[in-house]
Protein backbone atom coordinates (compact mmCIF):
# COMPACT_ATOMS: atom_id res chain seq x y z
CA MET A 1 11.15 4.19 14.19
CA LEU A 2 11.79 5.43 10.66
CA LEU A 3 10.83 2.29 8.77
CA LEU A 4 7.80 1.08 6.88
CA VAL A 5 7.82 -2.64 7.66
CA THR A 6 4.55 -3.22 5.80
CA LEU A 7 2.55 -0.68 3.88
CA ALA A 8 -0.26 0.90 5.91
CA LEU A 9 0.73 -0.90 9.10
CA ALA A 10 2.60 1.88 10.87
CA ALA A 11 1.80 5.06 12.75
CA PRO A 12 0.37 7.87 10.59
CA ASP A 13 3.67 9.77 10.62
CA ASP A 14 5.59 6.65 9.49
CA ASP A 15 3.31 5.40 6.71
CA VAL A 16 4.17 7.28 3.52
CA ALA A 17 1.02 6.22 1.63
CA ARG A 18 -1.28 7.21 4.45
CA ALA A 19 0.64 10.45 5.05
CA ALA A 20 0.26 11.36 1.37
CA ALA A 21 -3.47 10.61 1.42
CA THR A 22 -3.92 12.60 4.63
CA ARG A 23 -2.17 15.61 3.08
CA GLN A 24 -4.61 15.55 0.19
CA VAL A 25 -7.62 15.27 2.51
CA LEU A 26 -6.45 18.18 4.69
CA ASP A 27 -4.99 20.45 1.96
CA ASP A 28 -8.16 20.29 -0.12
CA GLY A 29 -10.64 20.20 2.77
CA ILE A 30 -12.16 16.93 1.55
CA ASP A 31 -15.35 15.80 3.28
CA ALA A 32 -13.77 12.74 4.91
CA PHE A 33 -12.62 11.51 8.29
CA THR A 34 -8.92 11.12 9.05
CA GLY A 35 -7.29 8.76 11.55
CA LEU A 36 -9.10 5.61 12.71
CA ALA A 37 -8.19 2.39 10.92
CA PRO A 38 -4.98 2.48 8.84
CA GLU A 39 -6.77 2.32 5.49
CA SER A 40 -9.29 5.09 6.25
CA ASP A 41 -7.38 7.99 4.69
CA ALA A 42 -6.62 6.02 1.54
CA ARG A 43 -10.26 4.94 1.38
CA ALA A 44 -11.35 8.56 1.79
CA VAL A 45 -9.31 9.52 -1.27
CA TRP A 46 -10.81 6.61 -3.21
CA GLN A 47 -14.39 7.42 -2.15
CA LEU A 48 -14.14 11.01 -3.31
CA GLY A 49 -12.31 10.43 -6.56
CA GLY A 50 -9.09 12.00 -5.30
CA CYS A 51 -6.95 9.31 -6.95
CA GLU A 52 -7.54 10.98 -10.32
CA ASP A 53 -5.78 14.12 -9.10
CA ALA A 54 -2.98 12.38 -7.22
CA SER A 55 0.57 12.18 -8.52
CA ASP A 56 1.75 9.03 -10.27
CA TRP A 57 3.72 7.75 -7.27
CA VAL A 58 0.76 8.22 -4.89
CA LYS A 59 -1.48 6.41 -7.37
CA ASP A 60 1.00 3.55 -7.44
CA LEU A 61 1.12 3.27 -3.64
CA LEU A 62 -2.69 3.27 -3.48
CA SER A 63 -3.20 1.41 -6.73
CA ALA A 64 -5.40 -1.39 -5.39
CA THR A 65 -7.64 1.05 -3.53
CA CYS A 66 -7.81 3.53 -6.40
CA ALA A 67 -8.67 0.85 -8.96
CA ARG A 68 -11.33 -0.83 -6.86
CA ASP A 69 -14.82 -1.25 -8.35
CA VAL A 70 -17.45 -2.29 -5.79
CA THR A 71 -20.04 -2.84 -8.55
CA SER A 72 -17.98 -5.53 -10.30
CA ARG A 73 -18.07 -9.13 -9.07
CA ARG A 74 -14.93 -9.95 -11.01
CA PRO A 75 -12.16 -10.70 -8.47
CA SER A 76 -9.09 -8.49 -8.48
CA TRP A 77 -6.01 -8.77 -6.34
CA GLU A 78 -2.68 -7.16 -5.58
CA LEU A 79 0.41 -8.44 -3.76
CA ARG A 80 3.42 -6.36 -2.73
CA PRO A 81 6.55 -7.88 -1.14
CA THR A 82 8.21 -6.18 1.82
CA ALA A 83 11.58 -6.71 3.49
CA SER A 84 13.70 -5.03 6.11
CA VAL A 85 16.86 -5.40 8.13
CA ASP A 86 17.72 -3.49 11.27
CA VAL A 87 20.88 -3.32 13.35
CA GLY A 88 21.02 -1.96 16.87
CA ASN A 89 19.69 -2.31 20.40
CA LEU A 90 16.88 0.29 20.37
CA SER A 91 13.35 -1.17 20.54
CA PRO A 92 10.95 0.83 18.34
CA THR A 93 7.39 1.87 19.20
CA ASN A 94 4.17 1.82 17.16
CA VAL A 95 5.15 -1.29 15.20
CA SER A 96 2.30 -3.73 15.91
CA GLY A 97 4.04 -5.22 18.93
CA ASP A 98 7.25 -6.16 17.10
CA GLU A 99 9.85 -5.08 19.66
CA ALA A 100 12.76 -6.20 17.46
CA PRO A 101 14.77 -7.22 20.55
CA GLY A 102 17.81 -8.42 18.67
CA TRP A 103 20.94 -6.59 17.56
CA PHE A 104 20.22 -7.90 14.06
CA GLY A 105 16.69 -8.47 12.76
CA PRO A 106 15.88 -9.29 9.13
CA ARG A 107 12.21 -9.49 8.09
CA VAL A 108 10.57 -10.69 4.86
CA GLY A 109 6.87 -10.35 4.20
CA ALA A 110 4.10 -9.25 1.88
CA ARG A 111 0.92 -7.23 1.91
CA GLY A 112 -1.94 -8.52 -0.19
CA VAL A 113 -5.54 -7.62 -0.89
CA VAL A 114 -8.31 -9.39 -2.79
CA TYR A 115 -11.50 -7.61 -3.94
CA ALA A 116 -14.67 -9.14 -5.33
CA GLY A 117 -17.26 -6.40 -5.52
CA PRO A 118 -17.80 -5.25 -1.92
CA MET A 119 -16.04 -8.31 -0.47
CA VAL A 120 -12.49 -7.78 0.83
CA LEU A 121 -9.63 -9.92 2.09
CA ARG A 122 -6.49 -8.21 3.41
CA ALA A 123 -3.40 -9.93 4.81
CA ALA A 124 0.15 -8.92 5.76
CA PRO A 125 2.24 -11.90 6.93
CA SER A 126 5.95 -11.71 7.68
CA VAL A 127 8.74 -13.99 8.88
CA GLY A 128 12.07 -13.05 10.35
CA LEU A 129 14.87 -13.60 12.84
CA ASP A 130 15.97 -11.83 16.01
CA VAL A 131 19.66 -12.31 16.74
CA ALA A 132 20.71 -11.24 20.26
CA PRO A 133 22.96 -13.21 20.66
CA GLY A 134 20.89 -16.36 20.10
CA VAL A 135 18.67 -16.79 17.07
CA THR A 136 14.89 -16.57 17.53
CA PRO A 137 12.60 -17.07 14.52
CA THR A 138 9.51 -14.89 14.25
CA VAL A 139 6.25 -15.43 12.37
CA ARG A 140 3.78 -12.57 12.47
CA VAL A 141 0.49 -11.68 10.79
CA PRO A 142 -0.31 -8.18 12.05
CA GLU A 143 -3.20 -7.87 9.61
CA LEU A 144 -5.70 -10.50 8.50
CA TRP A 145 -9.22 -9.16 7.87
CA MET A 146 -12.06 -10.34 5.66
CA GLY A 147 -15.55 -9.01 5.19
CA TYR A 148 -17.88 -6.67 3.34
CA ASP A 149 -16.87 -3.07 2.60
CA SER A 150 -18.92 -0.97 0.19
CA GLY A 151 -17.25 2.30 1.16
CA LYS A 152 -20.35 3.50 3.00
CA GLY A 153 -20.60 0.47 5.27
CA TRP A 154 -18.52 -2.51 6.34
CA PHE A 155 -18.76 -5.68 8.38
CA GLY A 156 -16.07 -8.26 8.94
CA VAL A 157 -13.80 -10.20 11.22
CA GLY A 158 -10.09 -10.40 11.74
CA GLN A 159 -7.05 -8.70 13.13
CA GLN A 160 -6.01 -5.24 11.95
CA ASP A 161 -4.07 -2.34 13.38
CA ARG A 162 -6.12 0.69 14.34
CA TRP A 163 -5.36 4.29 15.11
CA MET A 164 -8.34 5.84 16.90
CA GLY A 165 -8.03 9.55 17.51
CA PRO A 166 -6.43 12.60 15.89
CA GLY A 167 -2.88 12.10 17.22
CA GLU A 168 -0.04 11.67 14.75
CA HIS A 169 2.67 10.25 17.04
CA GLY A 170 0.46 8.60 19.67
CA SER A 171 -3.19 7.92 20.52
CA LEU A 172 -4.73 7.77 23.99
CA LEU A 173 -7.24 5.04 23.25
CA LEU A 174 -6.01 2.60 20.61
CA SER A 175 -2.95 2.63 18.36
CA ASP A 176 -0.64 0.12 16.68
CA ASN A 177 1.86 0.08 19.55
CA ALA A 178 0.81 -3.45 20.57
CA VAL A 179 -0.43 -6.55 18.77
CA ALA A 180 -3.87 -5.83 17.32
CA PRO A 181 -6.83 -7.62 18.97
CA TRP A 182 -9.03 -10.08 17.10
CA MET A 183 -12.42 -8.45 16.51
CA LEU A 184 -15.78 -8.74 14.80
CA ASN A 185 -16.57 -5.20 13.70
CA GLY A 186 -18.96 -3.22 11.53
CA GLY A 187 -19.88 0.37 10.81
CA LEU A 188 -21.39 3.06 8.59
CA ASP A 189 -19.83 6.18 7.10
CA GLY A 190 -21.79 8.80 5.16
CA HIS A 191 -24.57 11.40 5.13
CA PHE A 192 -28.24 11.16 5.99
CA PRO A 193 -30.55 11.33 2.96
CA GLY A 194 -32.55 14.37 1.87
CA TRP A 195 -32.49 17.60 3.84
CA ALA A 196 -30.64 15.88 6.71
CA ARG A 197 -27.55 15.86 4.50
CA HIS A 198 -26.92 19.41 5.73
CA LEU A 199 -26.21 17.99 9.20
CA GLY A 200 -22.85 16.79 7.92
CA ARG A 201 -21.10 13.45 7.72
CA PHE A 202 -21.40 10.74 10.39
CA ARG A 203 -19.38 7.64 11.18
CA VAL A 204 -20.44 4.89 13.58
CA GLU A 205 -18.51 1.71 14.33
CA MET A 206 -18.90 -1.03 16.91
CA GLY A 207 -16.87 -4.15 17.49
CA VAL A 208 -16.37 -6.97 19.93
CA GLY A 209 -13.33 -9.19 20.23
CA VAL A 210 -10.87 -10.91 22.52
CA LEU A 211 -7.42 -10.11 23.88
CA ALA A 212 -5.80 -13.40 22.92
CA GLU A 213 -2.19 -12.72 23.94
CA PRO A 214 -1.00 -14.44 27.18
CA ARG A 215 -1.95 -12.57 30.37
CA THR A 216 -1.20 -12.97 34.08
CA ASP A 217 -4.52 -11.56 35.34
CA VAL A 218 -7.59 -12.87 33.46
CA PRO A 219 -6.97 -15.00 30.35
CA LEU A 220 -8.88 -14.19 27.16
CA PRO A 221 -10.93 -11.20 28.31
CA GLY A 222 -13.42 -9.67 25.90
CA LEU A 223 -12.96 -6.27 24.30
CA LEU A 224 -15.76 -3.89 23.31
CA LEU A 225 -15.14 -1.02 20.89
CA MET A 226 -17.46 1.93 20.23
CA ASP A 227 -16.65 4.81 17.92
CA PHE A 228 -18.88 7.77 16.99
CA ARG A 229 -17.71 10.62 14.75
CA TRP A 230 -19.30 13.73 13.30
CA LEU A 231 -18.04 16.03 10.56
CA PRO A 232 -20.53 18.96 10.60
CA VAL A 233 -18.28 20.69 8.04
CA PRO A 234 -15.08 19.36 6.44
CA GLU A 235 -13.03 21.74 8.61
CA LEU A 236 -14.26 20.30 11.93
CA GLU A 237 -14.19 16.70 13.18
CA ILE A 238 -15.64 15.62 16.55
CA GLY A 239 -15.26 12.12 17.97
CA VAL A 240 -16.33 10.05 20.99
CA ASN A 241 -14.61 6.68 21.52
CA ARG A 242 -14.77 3.87 24.06
CA LEU A 243 -12.94 0.63 24.87
CA SER A 244 -14.11 -1.82 27.52
CA ILE A 245 -12.54 -5.04 28.87
CA PHE A 246 -14.99 -7.58 30.28
CA GLY A 247 -15.43 -11.27 31.08
CA GLY A 248 -12.65 -13.74 30.41
CA GLU A 249 -11.80 -17.19 31.71
CA GLY A 250 -13.01 -17.71 35.28
CA ARG A 251 -14.96 -14.45 35.37
CA PRO A 252 -18.78 -14.15 35.50
CA ALA A 253 -20.55 -12.97 32.37
CA VAL A 254 -21.39 -9.27 32.24
CA ASP A 255 -25.02 -8.25 31.96
CA PHE A 256 -25.62 -6.94 28.43
CA SER A 257 -27.19 -3.70 29.65
CA GLN A 258 -24.17 -3.06 31.89
CA LEU A 259 -21.84 -3.73 29.01
CA LEU A 260 -23.55 -1.02 26.97
CA LEU A 261 -23.96 1.46 29.86
CA PRO A 262 -22.10 0.48 33.06
CA THR A 263 -23.95 2.09 35.98
CA GLU A 264 -22.99 -0.49 38.65
CA PRO A 265 -19.22 -0.96 38.71
CA HIS A 266 -18.41 -3.25 41.65
CA VAL A 267 -15.58 -1.43 43.38
CA SER A 268 -16.52 -0.99 47.06
CA ASP A 269 -19.18 -3.69 47.54
CA ASP A 270 -17.35 -6.74 46.14
CA PRO A 271 -14.13 -7.28 48.16
CA ASP A 272 -13.74 -10.89 46.98
CA LYS A 273 -14.01 -9.82 43.32
CA LEU A 274 -16.71 -12.39 42.61
CA LEU A 275 -19.09 -10.18 40.68
CA ALA A 276 -18.79 -9.19 37.05
CA ASP A 277 -16.62 -6.14 36.45
CA GLN A 278 -15.32 -4.04 33.56
CA ASP A 279 -12.30 -1.87 32.85
CA GLU A 280 -13.08 1.25 30.80
CA LEU A 281 -11.32 3.77 28.60
CA ALA A 282 -13.07 6.59 26.77
CA THR A 283 -12.03 9.74 24.94
CA VAL A 284 -13.56 12.83 23.40
CA ASN A 285 -11.57 14.49 20.64
CA ILE A 286 -11.81 17.40 18.27
CA LYS A 287 -9.77 18.32 15.19
CA VAL A 288 -9.93 21.68 13.42
CA ASN A 289 -8.40 22.12 9.98
CA ALA A 290 -7.93 25.14 7.76
CA PRO A 291 -7.53 23.89 4.13
CA LEU A 292 -5.21 26.69 3.03
CA HIS A 293 -4.59 25.14 -0.38
CA ARG A 294 -8.30 25.15 -1.23
CA TRP A 295 -8.82 28.66 0.10
CA LEU A 296 -5.65 30.36 -1.14
CA GLY A 297 -3.99 28.07 -3.68
CA GLY A 298 -0.31 28.45 -4.46
CA PRO A 299 2.20 26.90 -2.03
CA PHE A 300 -0.24 26.82 0.88
CA GLY A 301 -1.17 23.44 2.36
CA HIS A 302 -3.13 23.21 5.61
CA LEU A 303 -3.07 24.34 9.23
CA SER A 304 -4.67 21.97 11.73
CA GLY A 305 -4.90 21.47 15.47
CA TRP A 306 -6.35 18.73 17.67
CA TRP A 307 -7.18 17.87 21.27
CA GLU A 308 -7.99 14.49 22.78
CA TYR A 309 -9.38 14.23 26.33
CA GLY A 310 -9.67 10.83 27.96
CA GLY A 311 -10.70 9.04 31.13
CA GLU A 312 -9.55 5.75 32.66
CA ASP A 313 -11.82 3.40 34.64
CA MET A 314 -15.41 3.96 35.73
CA ILE A 315 -17.17 5.59 38.68
CA VAL A 316 -20.85 6.35 39.22
CA ARG A 317 -22.35 9.77 39.87
CA LYS A 318 -25.99 10.72 40.38
CA LEU A 319 -28.22 13.36 38.88
CA GLY A 320 -30.83 13.46 41.59
CA ASP A 321 -31.70 9.79 42.09
CA VAL A 322 -30.61 8.76 38.61
CA PRO A 323 -27.16 7.09 38.44
CA TYR A 324 -24.94 7.66 35.44
CA PRO A 325 -21.43 6.46 34.59
CA ALA A 326 -18.51 8.87 34.70
CA LEU A 327 -14.86 8.37 33.83
CA ALA A 328 -12.14 8.86 36.41
CA GLY A 329 -8.42 9.32 35.70
CA VAL A 330 -7.82 12.13 33.23
CA ALA A 331 -5.39 12.37 30.30
CA ASN A 332 -4.90 14.94 27.55
CA LEU A 333 -3.25 14.99 24.13
CA TYR A 334 -2.65 18.18 22.12
CA GLY A 335 -1.20 18.58 18.63
CA GLY A 336 -0.84 20.81 15.62
CA GLU A 337 0.45 20.70 12.06
CA LEU A 338 1.38 23.19 9.36
CA SER A 339 1.86 22.24 5.71
CA MET A 340 3.46 24.77 3.36
CA GLY A 341 4.87 23.85 -0.03
CA PRO A 342 6.93 20.66 0.36
CA VAL A 343 7.35 21.08 4.14
CA VAL A 344 5.11 19.63 6.87
CA ALA A 345 5.81 20.46 10.54
CA THR A 346 4.04 18.53 13.31
CA GLY A 347 4.13 18.87 17.10
CA GLU A 348 2.35 16.89 19.84
CA TYR A 349 2.17 16.66 23.63
CA ALA A 350 0.46 14.02 25.81
CA ARG A 351 0.06 13.69 29.57
CA LEU A 352 -1.21 10.44 31.10
CA MET A 353 -0.94 11.02 34.84
CA ASP A 354 -3.60 11.06 37.53
CA ASP A 355 -3.43 11.20 41.33
CA ALA A 356 -5.73 8.23 41.93
CA PHE A 357 -6.17 6.17 38.75
CA ARG A 358 -3.61 4.34 36.62
CA TRP A 359 -3.90 4.64 32.86
CA TYR A 360 -4.13 1.29 31.00
CA VAL A 361 -3.03 -0.92 33.93
CA GLY A 362 -3.77 -1.55 37.61
CA HIS A 363 -7.50 -2.31 37.52
CA ARG A 364 -8.57 -4.34 40.57
CA VAL A 365 -9.54 -7.35 38.39
CA TYR A 366 -7.80 -6.70 35.06
CA HIS A 367 -4.34 -5.80 36.41
CA GLU A 368 -2.69 -5.86 32.98
CA GLY A 369 -5.52 -3.75 31.61
CA PHE A 370 -5.29 -2.48 28.05
CA THR A 371 -2.10 -4.27 27.06
CA GLN A 372 -1.21 -7.07 24.66
CA ASP A 373 1.87 -9.18 25.32
CA GLY A 374 3.06 -6.59 27.85
CA GLN A 375 2.74 -3.60 25.52
CA VAL A 376 0.23 -0.79 25.88
CA MET A 377 -2.51 -0.75 23.23
CA GLY A 378 -2.85 3.04 23.42
CA HIS A 379 -0.15 5.69 23.73
CA PHE A 380 3.41 4.36 23.55
CA GLY A 381 4.38 6.53 26.55
CA GLY A 382 2.39 4.16 28.74
CA PRO A 383 0.96 4.70 32.21
CA ASP A 384 2.11 7.62 34.39
CA SER A 385 3.92 9.34 31.53
CA GLU A 386 4.38 12.68 29.84
CA THR A 387 5.51 12.87 26.21
CA ALA A 388 6.41 15.63 23.76
CA SER A 389 7.31 15.04 20.11
CA GLY A 390 8.02 16.93 16.92
CA GLN A 391 8.61 16.09 13.28
CA LEU A 392 9.68 17.95 10.15
CA SER A 393 9.02 16.32 6.76
CA VAL A 394 10.08 17.49 3.31
CA TRP A 395 8.30 16.02 0.28
CA GLY A 396 9.58 15.78 -3.27
CA LYS A 397 8.46 13.95 -6.35
CA GLY A 398 8.78 10.33 -5.33
CA TRP A 399 10.58 10.92 -2.04
CA ARG A 400 10.15 12.09 1.54
CA ALA A 401 12.85 13.06 4.05
CA ARG A 402 12.12 13.35 7.77
CA GLY A 403 13.69 14.39 11.02
CA TRP A 404 11.97 13.83 14.34
CA GLY A 405 12.46 13.63 18.08
CA ASP A 406 10.53 12.87 21.23
CA TRP A 407 10.93 13.16 24.99
CA THR A 408 9.20 10.86 27.49
CA ARG A 409 9.05 11.24 31.26
CA ARG A 410 7.80 8.27 33.30
CA VAL A 411 6.94 8.10 36.99
CA GLY A 412 7.08 4.76 38.85
CA VAL A 413 3.85 4.56 40.87
CA ILE A 414 3.93 2.03 43.71
CA ASP A 415 0.47 2.52 45.21
CA THR A 416 -2.36 4.99 45.76
CA ALA A 417 -4.04 5.10 49.17
CA ASN A 418 -5.93 7.65 51.27
CA GLY A 419 -5.71 10.24 48.53
CA LYS A 420 -1.92 9.97 48.31
CA VAL A 421 0.28 8.64 45.52
CA TYR A 422 3.40 6.68 46.46
CA THR A 423 6.10 6.69 43.78
CA LEU A 424 9.64 5.49 43.28
CA GLN A 425 12.32 8.03 44.07
CA ASN A 426 13.72 8.27 40.55
CA GLU A 427 11.85 9.30 37.41
CA GLU A 428 12.81 7.83 34.04
CA ARG A 429 13.49 10.24 31.18
CA ARG A 430 13.95 9.09 27.60
CA TYR A 431 15.15 11.13 24.61
CA ARG A 432 14.96 9.87 21.03
CA GLY A 433 15.65 11.39 17.67
CA GLY A 434 16.19 10.22 14.15
CA LEU A 435 16.46 10.85 10.43
CA GLY A 436 14.78 8.89 7.67
CA LEU A 437 14.28 8.79 3.91
CA ASP A 438 11.53 7.16 1.82
CA LEU A 439 12.42 6.91 -1.87
CA ASP A 440 10.66 5.69 -5.01
CA VAL A 441 13.20 3.92 -7.25
CA HIS A 442 11.51 2.76 -10.45
CA GLY A 443 8.37 1.73 -8.59
CA LEU A 444 10.18 0.27 -5.58
CA TRP A 445 9.71 2.13 -2.30
CA LEU A 446 12.91 2.02 -0.27
CA SER A 447 13.25 3.30 3.29
CA GLY A 448 16.24 3.95 5.46
CA GLY A 449 16.80 5.59 8.79
CA TYR A 450 18.80 5.98 11.94
CA THR A 451 17.39 6.43 15.46
CA TYR A 452 19.35 7.50 18.54
CA GLY A 453 18.03 6.99 22.07
CA GLN A 454 19.25 8.02 25.49
CA THR A 455 17.56 7.09 28.78
CA GLU A 456 18.24 8.50 32.24
CA ASN A 457 17.40 6.37 35.32
CA ALA A 458 16.29 3.46 33.15
CA ASN A 459 13.62 1.35 34.86
CA PHE A 460 13.61 4.00 37.62
CA THR A 461 17.10 2.96 38.79
CA ASP A 462 19.32 5.80 39.99
CA ARG A 463 22.12 6.69 37.58
CA ARG A 464 21.34 3.81 35.28
CA ASP A 465 21.78 5.67 32.02
CA THR A 466 21.69 3.93 28.64
CA VAL A 467 22.44 4.86 25.04
CA GLU A 468 20.77 2.97 22.16
CA HIS A 469 20.97 3.01 18.36
CA ARG A 470 19.10 1.45 15.49
CA PHE A 471 19.89 1.51 11.76
CA VAL A 472 17.17 0.39 9.36
CA LEU A 473 17.07 -0.41 5.65
CA ALA A 474 13.90 -1.67 4.02
CA LEU A 475 12.03 -2.48 0.88
CA ALA A 476 8.91 -0.79 2.18
CA SER A 477 6.80 -1.63 -0.87
CA GLY A 478 8.05 -3.82 -3.67
CA PRO A 479 6.78 -4.22 -7.23
CA ALA A 480 3.06 -4.94 -7.25
CA LEU A 481 1.81 -8.21 -8.65
CA ARG A 482 -1.73 -7.58 -9.91
CA SER A 483 -4.57 -9.55 -11.39
CA ALA A 484 -4.81 -7.18 -14.34
CA PRO A 485 -3.02 -4.02 -15.56
CA ARG A 486 -4.35 -0.76 -14.25
C-alpha cells in the first residue's frame, strides 16, 4: 500500500514522518532506538533536540512532538484531519487490519494529541464506506492511548499500533498488519547514572492486554508483551522480544511464575486440554548502522543491516536436572538499507517455515494463535511463507517518490505427524509492485499511488490466477489545528 491513511499509523516504509525521523537518527548516528512503537523515532528526534536541525516540512509533520514541554502543566493540543479514497480490488497489508474489501472505499478521519506536562492522550478515529457491491459503513479507532510519558519513562493504557523489530516491510513478532490489541503497558528508556552510563542505552517495556476481536478458539485470551533493548553504542542495537497468549474464557488461570518463565508447557501430559497452557513467540534481533553522514559528511547518508531470529511455541530442555524453556519453530528476517543523497534503497527477506511448528497459528489450544480478526499480528506473509521485498525512495524538499515490489510464496500445510509435513499440492505465489508520491502542498500532505498485484494458484487452487489493482488518493495530513502558535 502506498497511502498514509493516518499519520504515524502505517508501516515504517509507508509513514513519511517516521521515515524522515528515522533517516535523521541513522544518518547522524543519534543515540536512540529505532522501530518499536510508531512514535518512537519521532520521540527520539524530540528527546535529542533534533527538531531544531530538521527542515521546515519535517518540523511541521512532527510539530506537536517537537513543541512538547514536559515541564509545563499548561495543556496543549493538535488535531490534523485525514481523508482518503481508494479504487480497486487489491487488499493492502500493514494497515491496522483495514482490509478495504470494497472496489470503492472513502475514509475520513483525524489524528489528535493532547499534552499536559508528562500526561498524553492520543487518538486517531476514522469513518468510511466499503462499496463492493453493497455499502458497508466502517468506524475504526486504530489508536487510542492515554497515560504518562516523560520521554525517559511511560505508563498508560489503550490501543496503539506497534512495530517491534528492525524490519522495514515486515516484522516477525508484532506489526500493524492486524488490529492492535488493547494493552496496559509501561517502560523505561535511557542510561544508567554515573559511571554505568558507559554501558550504553537501555530500553525495557512490559505490557499485558487482551485480544478482544472475535475468535473461534478461545474468546478474549490474554496477551503478555516483553521487550528488552540495548544500544551499547549508537551504531549497534540488540533486542530480545516476547509475546505470550494465555488464559481466556473457559480456560484455567496461568500460574504467575509460569507466565513469566514457562518451564511446564502441557503438551504431552494433558490430552484433554484441561490444564493451563500458553502460546509463545520470541525473537532476538540485531541492527548495525554506519552513520556515513556523521563520519564523512557531504552526500553520504547511512548504511545499515539487520537480522531478526524468532521461535514459535515452547518446548522444555534440561541442563542437567534443571529445566529451561526453549523455542521451537524457527524463522529469520534479513534486511539492509543504503542512503546516499536524496536516494534510499531498502531490501528485505523473511522466511517463516518450519518442519514441525506452525508460525502464528495451529497451537493445540489457541488454534487462531497470534491473529486479530483473522489477520496475522506479525509478518504480513503469514504462516508457512517466504517473502522478499525491495523499495527505492527519492526525497526532495517537501516531497518523496517511491517505487517498491514484493514477492510472497505460501505453502498450504495440512498436518504434521511422525516427523513429516503434509501439504497441499499447489503453492501460492503472489507478486506486488507499486509507485507512490507524498507531496507537501502549502502545509497539506497529499499522497497518491497505484499498486498492481498478481497471484498464482490463489488459495492453493491449481491454475486459479488473479490480477488485482488499487488506486489511492489521500489527504495524509491536513492543516494542523493547534492550541497555540508554534
